[in-house]
Amino acid sequence: MARGNRTARARQPLEHNGLYPYLMRFMDWSRTVAQQSPYTLERREGQLRTFTAWCDERSLHDPGSITKPILERYQRHLFYYRKADGEPLGTGTQHSMLVSVKMWFKWLAQQNHIQANPASELTLPKKPRSLPRYILSPEEVAQALNQPDLGLPEGIRDRAILELLYATGMRRTEVCNLNLYAIDRKRETVFIREGKGGMDRVVPIGQRALAWVQKYLEEARPQLVTYPDSGHLFLSLYGAPFRRDVLGAIVKRHLNNAGIDKPGSCHLFRHACATHMLDNGADIRFIQALLGHTQLNTTEIYTRVSIDKLKQIHAATHPATMQTKTDDEGSERLQLLATLAQEADEDDHPGADDEPRHWTH
């Protein structure tokens, strides 16, 4: 099986296993009742297919036959597994794969498919709280922004995307999902619909990014659109909405062309947005609202911030529109950066690319 081919792995024959029908019912419930995002559904199904394949190799076909010791064996398998490059699975990847298993067995118990939930007391590995290892400097951001060829419609589009990523700290999935009505030119804001966790938010876009998005809408998008128009803000050369991996590849290409050899793509601009505003004195609560975070670590801190106040902070601290400059350090800053690091690991390496492919007994 080709490494990195999620589709090929997802189609691994599992229909003969007795767990498979329950997996399909759970995924249908996750889509229709829990209404989880397509990205979450894709990742979860891949992770549960991996678990089902592991069970199949051990002749485990009945959800009622899965016990806590069996799940602990699977957990140890993930811990000791080594990828093709000899590296272990990341702690975040292990955690994510086990969370999917726990959710599946919780559903099985709730639906009375099993008498008791063997995963209820399964101890999960702690999520890593490391800080981002790679953060773009303002100079590197400027270099990357200057890479797109503005003589081409896709070059104007790419410049608008890079400016938007840096100005707003948006996730790449959020950029892909933007529609034409998301940009409010009068208020200089962007409406992000159903971001991570299904939460909507409105954030400042900044005058510079807004100007590039407007240039794209007037000069480039009409050359890219095909009819019927999907209504998405950013379009590929084929007039279709962007996929996450395609958008990431475009951003990565511009970073490489700028001579920036740092792992990551879109999330590097998210890190840079937050870090540069923090460096210039932005309060942690405003950064939290901008990025769409409901928590900095395990304690949820819900903060309602008016868009007008957020715009003032954005204008005063974001390098693209900065009016003043101050500096502030503290533990909350470290917590925010640690959250960004974990988020980047989930976004750029969501678990499926690192999951075991060839099982060892």
Protein backbone atom coordinates (compact mmCIF):
# COMPACT_ATOMS: atom_id res chain seq x y z
CA MET A 1 0.00 0.00 0.00
CA ALA A 2 1.40 3.36 -1.00
CA ARG A 3 2.48 5.48 1.92
CA GLY A 4 0.32 8.55 2.40
CA ASN A 5 -2.54 7.17 0.30
CA ARG A 6 -5.50 7.62 2.60
CA THR A 7 -8.03 6.55 -0.02
CA ALA A 8 -6.28 3.28 -0.73
CA ARG A 9 -6.00 2.46 2.95
CA ALA A 10 -9.62 3.44 3.61
CA ARG A 11 -10.72 0.86 1.03
CA GLN A 12 -8.85 -1.99 2.65
CA PRO A 13 -11.31 -4.93 2.55
CA LEU A 14 -12.94 -5.15 5.97
CA GLU A 15 -16.51 -5.99 5.03
CA HIS A 16 -16.03 -9.62 6.10
CA ASN A 17 -15.28 -8.58 9.68
CA GLY A 18 -18.22 -8.48 12.09
CA LEU A 19 -17.12 -5.10 13.42
CA TYR A 20 -17.54 -3.44 10.02
CA PRO A 21 -21.35 -2.97 10.07
CA TYR A 22 -21.10 -1.33 13.48
CA LEU A 23 -18.38 0.96 12.17
CA MET A 24 -20.58 2.05 9.27
CA ARG A 25 -23.54 2.70 11.59
CA PHE A 26 -21.36 4.73 13.92
CA MET A 27 -20.05 6.84 11.04
CA ASP A 28 -23.59 7.43 9.81
CA TRP A 29 -24.60 8.51 13.33
CA SER A 30 -21.55 10.79 13.54
CA ARG A 31 -22.54 12.44 10.27
CA THR A 32 -26.31 12.77 10.72
CA VAL A 33 -26.83 13.05 14.48
CA ALA A 34 -23.53 14.41 15.83
CA GLN A 35 -23.12 16.41 12.58
CA GLN A 36 -19.35 16.30 12.70
CA SER A 37 -17.34 18.04 10.01
CA PRO A 38 -16.26 16.15 6.85
CA TYR A 39 -12.62 16.46 7.95
CA THR A 40 -13.37 14.95 11.37
CA LEU A 41 -15.41 12.17 9.77
CA GLU A 42 -12.61 11.32 7.34
CA ARG A 43 -10.00 11.21 10.06
CA ARG A 44 -12.18 9.22 12.47
CA GLU A 45 -13.16 6.62 9.91
CA GLY A 46 -9.53 6.12 8.90
CA GLN A 47 -8.50 5.66 12.52
CA LEU A 48 -11.30 3.19 13.25
CA ARG A 49 -10.54 1.23 10.08
CA THR A 50 -6.99 0.94 11.37
CA PHE A 51 -8.28 -0.44 14.66
CA THR A 52 -10.68 -2.79 12.87
CA ALA A 53 -7.85 -4.11 10.69
CA TRP A 54 -5.81 -4.76 13.83
CA CYS A 55 -8.76 -6.66 15.32
CA ASP A 56 -9.27 -8.60 12.10
CA GLU A 57 -5.69 -9.90 12.19
CA ARG A 58 -6.45 -11.24 15.65
CA SER A 59 -9.77 -12.83 14.61
CA LEU A 60 -11.81 -10.36 16.66
CA HIS A 61 -15.18 -9.98 14.92
CA ASP A 62 -17.69 -9.23 17.67
CA PRO A 63 -17.77 -5.89 19.54
CA GLY A 64 -18.92 -7.80 22.61
CA SER A 65 -15.67 -9.77 22.59
CA ILE A 66 -13.52 -6.63 22.88
CA THR A 67 -12.35 -6.23 26.48
CA LYS A 68 -10.32 -3.60 28.27
CA PRO A 69 -7.17 -5.81 28.18
CA ILE A 70 -7.57 -6.11 24.41
CA LEU A 71 -7.82 -2.33 24.07
CA GLU A 72 -4.75 -1.96 26.26
CA ARG A 73 -2.92 -4.35 23.91
CA TYR A 74 -3.88 -2.07 21.02
CA GLN A 75 -2.65 0.93 22.98
CA ARG A 76 0.69 -0.77 23.59
CA HIS A 77 0.86 -1.64 19.90
CA LEU A 78 0.53 2.03 18.99
CA PHE A 79 3.19 2.95 21.51
CA TYR A 80 5.75 0.46 20.18
CA TYR A 81 4.90 0.83 16.50
CA ARG A 82 7.59 2.33 14.27
CA LYS A 83 6.92 4.08 10.98
CA ALA A 84 8.87 3.45 7.79
CA ASP A 85 11.43 6.07 8.82
CA GLY A 86 11.97 4.35 12.17
CA GLU A 87 10.21 7.06 14.15
CA PRO A 88 7.45 6.23 16.67
CA LEU A 89 3.94 7.53 16.36
CA GLY A 90 3.59 10.96 17.92
CA THR A 91 1.88 11.16 21.28
CA GLY A 92 -0.77 13.37 19.73
CA THR A 93 -1.41 10.76 17.03
CA GLN A 94 -1.72 7.97 19.59
CA HIS A 95 -4.08 10.10 21.66
CA SER A 96 -6.26 10.93 18.65
CA MET A 97 -6.51 7.29 17.53
CA LEU A 98 -7.50 6.12 21.00
CA VAL A 99 -10.07 8.89 21.39
CA SER A 100 -11.78 7.59 18.25
CA VAL A 101 -11.87 4.09 19.73
CA LYS A 102 -13.29 5.39 23.02
CA MET A 103 -16.01 7.32 21.22
CA TRP A 104 -16.95 4.29 19.14
CA PHE A 105 -17.31 2.01 22.14
CA LYS A 106 -19.22 4.66 24.06
CA TRP A 107 -21.68 4.77 21.17
CA LEU A 108 -21.86 0.95 21.05
CA ALA A 109 -22.81 0.90 24.73
CA GLN A 110 -25.33 3.74 24.39
CA GLN A 111 -27.01 1.92 21.49
CA ASN A 112 -27.09 -1.32 23.51
CA HIS A 113 -24.89 -3.17 21.04
CA ILE A 114 -22.68 -4.14 23.98
CA GLN A 115 -23.57 -4.57 27.65
CA ALA A 116 -20.68 -2.51 29.04
CA ASN A 117 -18.14 -0.08 27.64
CA PRO A 118 -14.64 -1.64 27.87
CA ALA A 119 -13.03 1.68 26.84
CA SER A 120 -14.62 3.79 29.57
CA GLU A 121 -11.61 3.52 31.90
CA LEU A 122 -8.91 3.39 29.25
CA THR A 123 -6.16 5.84 30.23
CA LEU A 124 -5.12 8.05 27.34
CA PRO A 125 -1.58 9.38 26.83
CA LYS A 126 -1.27 13.04 27.70
CA LYS A 127 -1.33 15.43 24.79
CA PRO A 128 2.04 17.10 24.20
CA ARG A 129 2.25 20.74 25.27
CA SER A 130 5.35 21.70 23.35
CA LEU A 131 5.78 25.18 21.92
CA PRO A 132 5.88 25.82 18.16
CA ARG A 133 9.39 24.98 17.00
CA TYR A 134 9.21 27.06 13.85
CA ILE A 135 7.79 30.58 13.70
CA LEU A 136 8.13 32.89 10.72
CA SER A 137 9.80 36.21 11.39
CA PRO A 138 8.19 39.38 9.99
CA GLU A 139 10.94 39.44 7.37
CA GLU A 140 10.22 35.86 6.31
CA VAL A 141 6.50 36.63 6.10
CA ALA A 142 7.29 39.57 3.81
CA GLN A 143 9.48 37.37 1.62
CA ALA A 144 6.73 34.77 1.27
CA LEU A 145 4.09 37.38 0.51
CA ASN A 146 6.19 38.65 -2.41
CA GLN A 147 6.50 35.26 -4.13
CA PRO A 148 3.22 34.97 -6.11
CA ASP A 149 3.39 36.11 -9.75
CA LEU A 150 0.98 39.03 -9.85
CA GLY A 151 0.86 38.89 -13.63
CA LEU A 152 -1.28 35.75 -13.37
CA PRO A 153 -4.80 35.45 -11.90
CA GLU A 154 -3.65 32.60 -9.67
CA GLY A 155 -0.78 34.79 -8.47
CA ILE A 156 -3.18 37.50 -7.33
CA ARG A 157 -5.31 34.81 -5.71
CA ASP A 158 -2.32 33.34 -3.87
CA ARG A 159 -1.23 36.76 -2.60
CA ALA A 160 -4.73 37.37 -1.29
CA ILE A 161 -4.73 33.97 0.44
CA LEU A 162 -1.33 34.57 2.07
CA GLU A 163 -2.36 38.04 3.22
CA LEU A 164 -5.60 36.64 4.64
CA LEU A 165 -3.84 33.80 6.46
CA TYR A 166 -1.40 36.20 8.07
CA ALA A 167 -3.91 38.94 8.89
CA THR A 168 -6.54 36.71 10.46
CA GLY A 169 -4.70 33.58 11.64
CA MET A 170 -7.37 31.46 9.97
CA ARG A 171 -7.05 27.69 9.69
CA ARG A 172 -6.62 26.35 6.17
CA THR A 173 -9.96 24.52 6.32
CA GLU A 174 -11.64 27.80 7.24
CA VAL A 175 -10.05 29.51 4.24
CA CYS A 176 -11.21 26.71 1.94
CA ASN A 177 -14.78 27.05 3.22
CA LEU A 178 -15.09 30.85 2.85
CA ASN A 179 -17.87 32.02 0.57
CA LEU A 180 -18.28 35.25 -1.36
CA TYR A 181 -20.41 36.80 1.35
CA ALA A 182 -17.89 36.17 4.13
CA ILE A 183 -16.04 39.44 3.49
CA ASP A 184 -17.67 42.59 4.85
CA ARG A 185 -15.78 45.41 3.15
CA LYS A 186 -17.63 48.13 5.03
CA ARG A 187 -16.81 46.73 8.48
CA GLU A 188 -13.45 45.29 7.33
CA THR A 189 -14.26 41.89 8.80
CA VAL A 190 -14.52 38.29 7.69
CA PHE A 191 -17.24 35.90 8.84
CA ILE A 192 -15.89 32.42 9.55
CA ARG A 193 -18.76 29.97 9.49
CA GLU A 194 -18.54 26.77 11.52
CA GLY A 195 -14.86 26.85 12.36
CA LYS A 196 -13.30 24.18 14.54
CA GLY A 197 -15.90 22.85 16.94
CA GLY A 198 -18.69 24.14 14.70
CA MET A 199 -18.35 27.66 16.11
CA ASP A 200 -18.91 30.82 14.06
CA ARG A 201 -16.84 33.94 14.59
CA VAL A 202 -16.24 37.37 13.06
CA VAL A 203 -12.67 38.68 12.95
CA PRO A 204 -10.90 41.76 11.57
CA ILE A 205 -9.29 41.32 8.18
CA GLY A 206 -7.08 44.43 8.18
CA GLN A 207 -6.91 47.01 5.40
CA ARG A 208 -3.96 45.48 3.55
CA ALA A 209 -5.43 41.97 3.36
CA LEU A 210 -8.82 43.44 2.46
CA ALA A 211 -7.26 45.36 -0.42
CA TRP A 212 -5.68 42.19 -1.82
CA VAL A 213 -8.91 40.20 -1.47
CA GLN A 214 -10.74 42.99 -3.28
CA LYS A 215 -8.13 43.00 -6.06
CA TYR A 216 -8.56 39.24 -6.38
CA LEU A 217 -12.35 39.55 -6.58
CA GLU A 218 -12.19 42.24 -9.24
CA GLU A 219 -9.29 41.03 -11.40
CA ALA A 220 -8.60 37.34 -10.80
CA ARG A 221 -11.69 35.45 -9.69
CA PRO A 222 -13.68 36.30 -12.85
CA GLN A 223 -10.93 34.53 -14.83
CA LEU A 224 -11.02 31.45 -12.60
CA VAL A 225 -14.74 30.95 -12.08
CA THR A 226 -16.69 28.28 -13.96
CA TYR A 227 -20.45 28.06 -14.04
CA PRO A 228 -22.50 27.22 -12.15
CA ASP A 229 -20.50 29.23 -9.62
CA SER A 230 -19.95 27.32 -6.37
CA GLY A 231 -19.97 30.60 -4.42
CA HIS A 232 -16.66 29.85 -2.71
CA LEU A 233 -14.34 32.82 -2.30
CA PHE A 234 -11.13 31.16 -3.48
CA LEU A 235 -11.12 28.96 -6.56
CA SER A 236 -8.59 26.60 -8.13
CA LEU A 237 -7.45 26.83 -11.73
CA TYR A 238 -10.37 24.55 -12.56
CA GLY A 239 -12.89 26.87 -10.90
CA ALA A 240 -13.47 24.45 -8.04
CA PRO A 241 -13.24 25.09 -4.27
CA PHE A 242 -9.88 24.32 -2.72
CA ARG A 243 -9.12 21.08 -0.93
CA ARG A 244 -7.06 21.39 2.24
CA ASP A 245 -4.07 19.53 0.83
CA VAL A 246 -4.02 21.60 -2.36
CA LEU A 247 -4.13 24.88 -0.45
CA GLY A 248 -1.35 23.66 1.83
CA ALA A 249 0.78 22.69 -1.19
CA ILE A 250 0.36 26.14 -2.75
CA VAL A 251 1.38 27.92 0.44
CA LYS A 252 4.31 25.53 0.89
CA ARG A 253 5.53 26.25 -2.63
CA HIS A 254 5.64 29.98 -1.99
CA LEU A 255 7.51 29.42 1.27
CA ASN A 256 10.05 27.23 -0.52
CA ASN A 257 10.44 29.81 -3.28
CA ALA A 258 11.19 32.38 -0.59
CA GLY A 259 13.99 30.15 0.69
CA ILE A 260 12.11 29.34 3.89
CA ASP A 261 12.84 25.74 4.83
CA LYS A 262 10.55 25.26 7.82
CA PRO A 263 8.09 22.40 8.31
CA GLY A 264 4.45 23.35 7.84
CA SER A 265 2.53 25.64 5.53
CA CYS A 266 -0.71 27.45 6.38
CA HIS A 267 -0.28 27.01 10.12
CA LEU A 268 3.04 28.86 10.00
CA PHE A 269 1.09 32.01 9.14
CA ARG A 270 -1.36 31.29 11.99
CA HIS A 271 1.59 31.04 14.37
CA ALA A 272 3.13 34.19 12.95
CA CYS A 273 -0.11 36.17 13.28
CA ALA A 274 -0.48 35.27 16.96
CA THR A 275 3.18 35.59 17.87
CA HIS A 276 3.74 38.94 16.18
CA MET A 277 0.64 40.43 17.77
CA LEU A 278 1.75 39.12 21.17
CA ASP A 279 5.18 40.65 20.61
CA ASN A 280 3.51 43.97 20.00
CA GLY A 281 1.41 43.88 23.17
CA ALA A 282 -1.92 42.28 22.24
CA ASP A 283 -3.87 40.92 25.20
CA ILE A 284 -4.10 37.13 25.23
CA ARG A 285 -7.91 37.26 25.29
CA PHE A 286 -8.06 39.10 21.99
CA ILE A 287 -5.68 36.65 20.35
CA GLN A 288 -7.87 33.86 21.68
CA ALA A 289 -10.97 35.43 20.11
CA LEU A 290 -9.17 36.05 16.81
CA LEU A 291 -7.99 32.45 16.50
CA GLY A 292 -11.27 30.92 17.61
CA HIS A 293 -9.92 29.27 20.74
CA THR A 294 -12.37 28.46 23.52
CA GLN A 295 -9.60 27.24 25.81
CA LEU A 296 -5.89 27.71 26.30
CA ASN A 297 -5.24 24.45 28.12
CA THR A 298 -7.60 22.15 29.99
CA THR A 299 -9.60 24.96 31.60
CA GLU A 300 -12.17 26.57 29.33
CA ILE A 301 -12.04 30.36 29.34
CA TYR A 302 -15.02 31.74 27.42
CA THR A 303 -14.52 35.38 26.55
CA ARG A 304 -16.99 37.55 24.67
CA VAL A 305 -15.12 40.25 22.78
CA SER A 306 -16.83 42.94 20.69
CA ILE A 307 -15.68 43.07 17.09
CA ASP A 308 -15.00 46.81 17.39
CA LYS A 309 -12.60 46.28 20.28
CA LEU A 310 -10.98 43.35 18.50
CA LYS A 311 -10.45 45.55 15.43
CA GLN A 312 -8.73 48.17 17.58
CA ILE A 313 -6.37 45.60 19.08
CA HIS A 314 -5.72 44.08 15.65
CA ALA A 315 -4.88 47.49 14.16
CA ALA A 316 -2.61 48.33 17.08
CA THR A 317 -0.64 45.07 17.21
CA HIS A 318 -0.70 43.26 13.85
CA PRO A 319 2.43 44.16 11.84
CA ALA A 320 0.41 44.63 8.65
CA THR A 321 -1.64 47.46 10.21
CA MET A 322 0.32 48.28 13.36
CA GLN A 323 -0.07 51.72 14.90
CA THR A 324 1.69 51.23 18.24
CA LYS A 325 4.15 48.75 19.68
CA THR A 326 4.49 47.40 23.21
CA ASP A 327 5.67 44.09 24.70
CA ASP A 328 4.32 41.64 27.27
CA GLU A 329 5.40 38.19 28.43
CA GLY A 330 3.73 35.66 30.68
CA SER A 331 2.60 32.10 31.23
CA GLU A 332 -0.59 32.71 29.25
CA ARG A 333 1.54 33.47 26.19
CA LEU A 334 3.27 30.12 26.55
CA GLN A 335 -0.08 28.39 26.91
CA LEU A 336 -1.36 30.01 23.74
CA LEU A 337 1.74 29.04 21.78
CA ALA A 338 1.53 25.48 23.12
CA THR A 339 -2.08 25.33 21.96
CA LEU A 340 -1.01 26.50 18.51
CA ALA A 341 1.71 23.85 18.39
CA GLN A 342 -0.76 21.09 19.23
CA GLU A 343 -3.24 22.49 16.74
CA ALA A 344 -0.62 22.47 14.01
CA ASP A 345 0.18 18.83 14.73
CA GLU A 346 -3.51 17.93 14.42
CA ASP A 347 -3.96 19.99 11.25
CA ASP A 348 -0.82 19.12 9.28
CA HIS A 349 -0.46 15.58 10.69
CA PRO A 350 -4.00 14.64 11.70
CA GLY A 351 -3.15 11.06 12.56
CA ALA A 352 -4.16 9.33 9.36
CA ASP A 353 -0.83 9.95 7.63
CA ASP A 354 1.09 8.52 10.56
CA GLU A 355 -1.11 5.54 11.33
CA PRO A 356 0.39 2.06 11.11
CA ARG A 357 0.01 0.35 7.78
CA HIS A 358 1.80 -2.97 8.17
CA TRP A 359 0.82 -4.63 11.40
CA THR A 360 3.31 -6.51 13.55
CA HIS A 361 2.18 -9.12 16.05
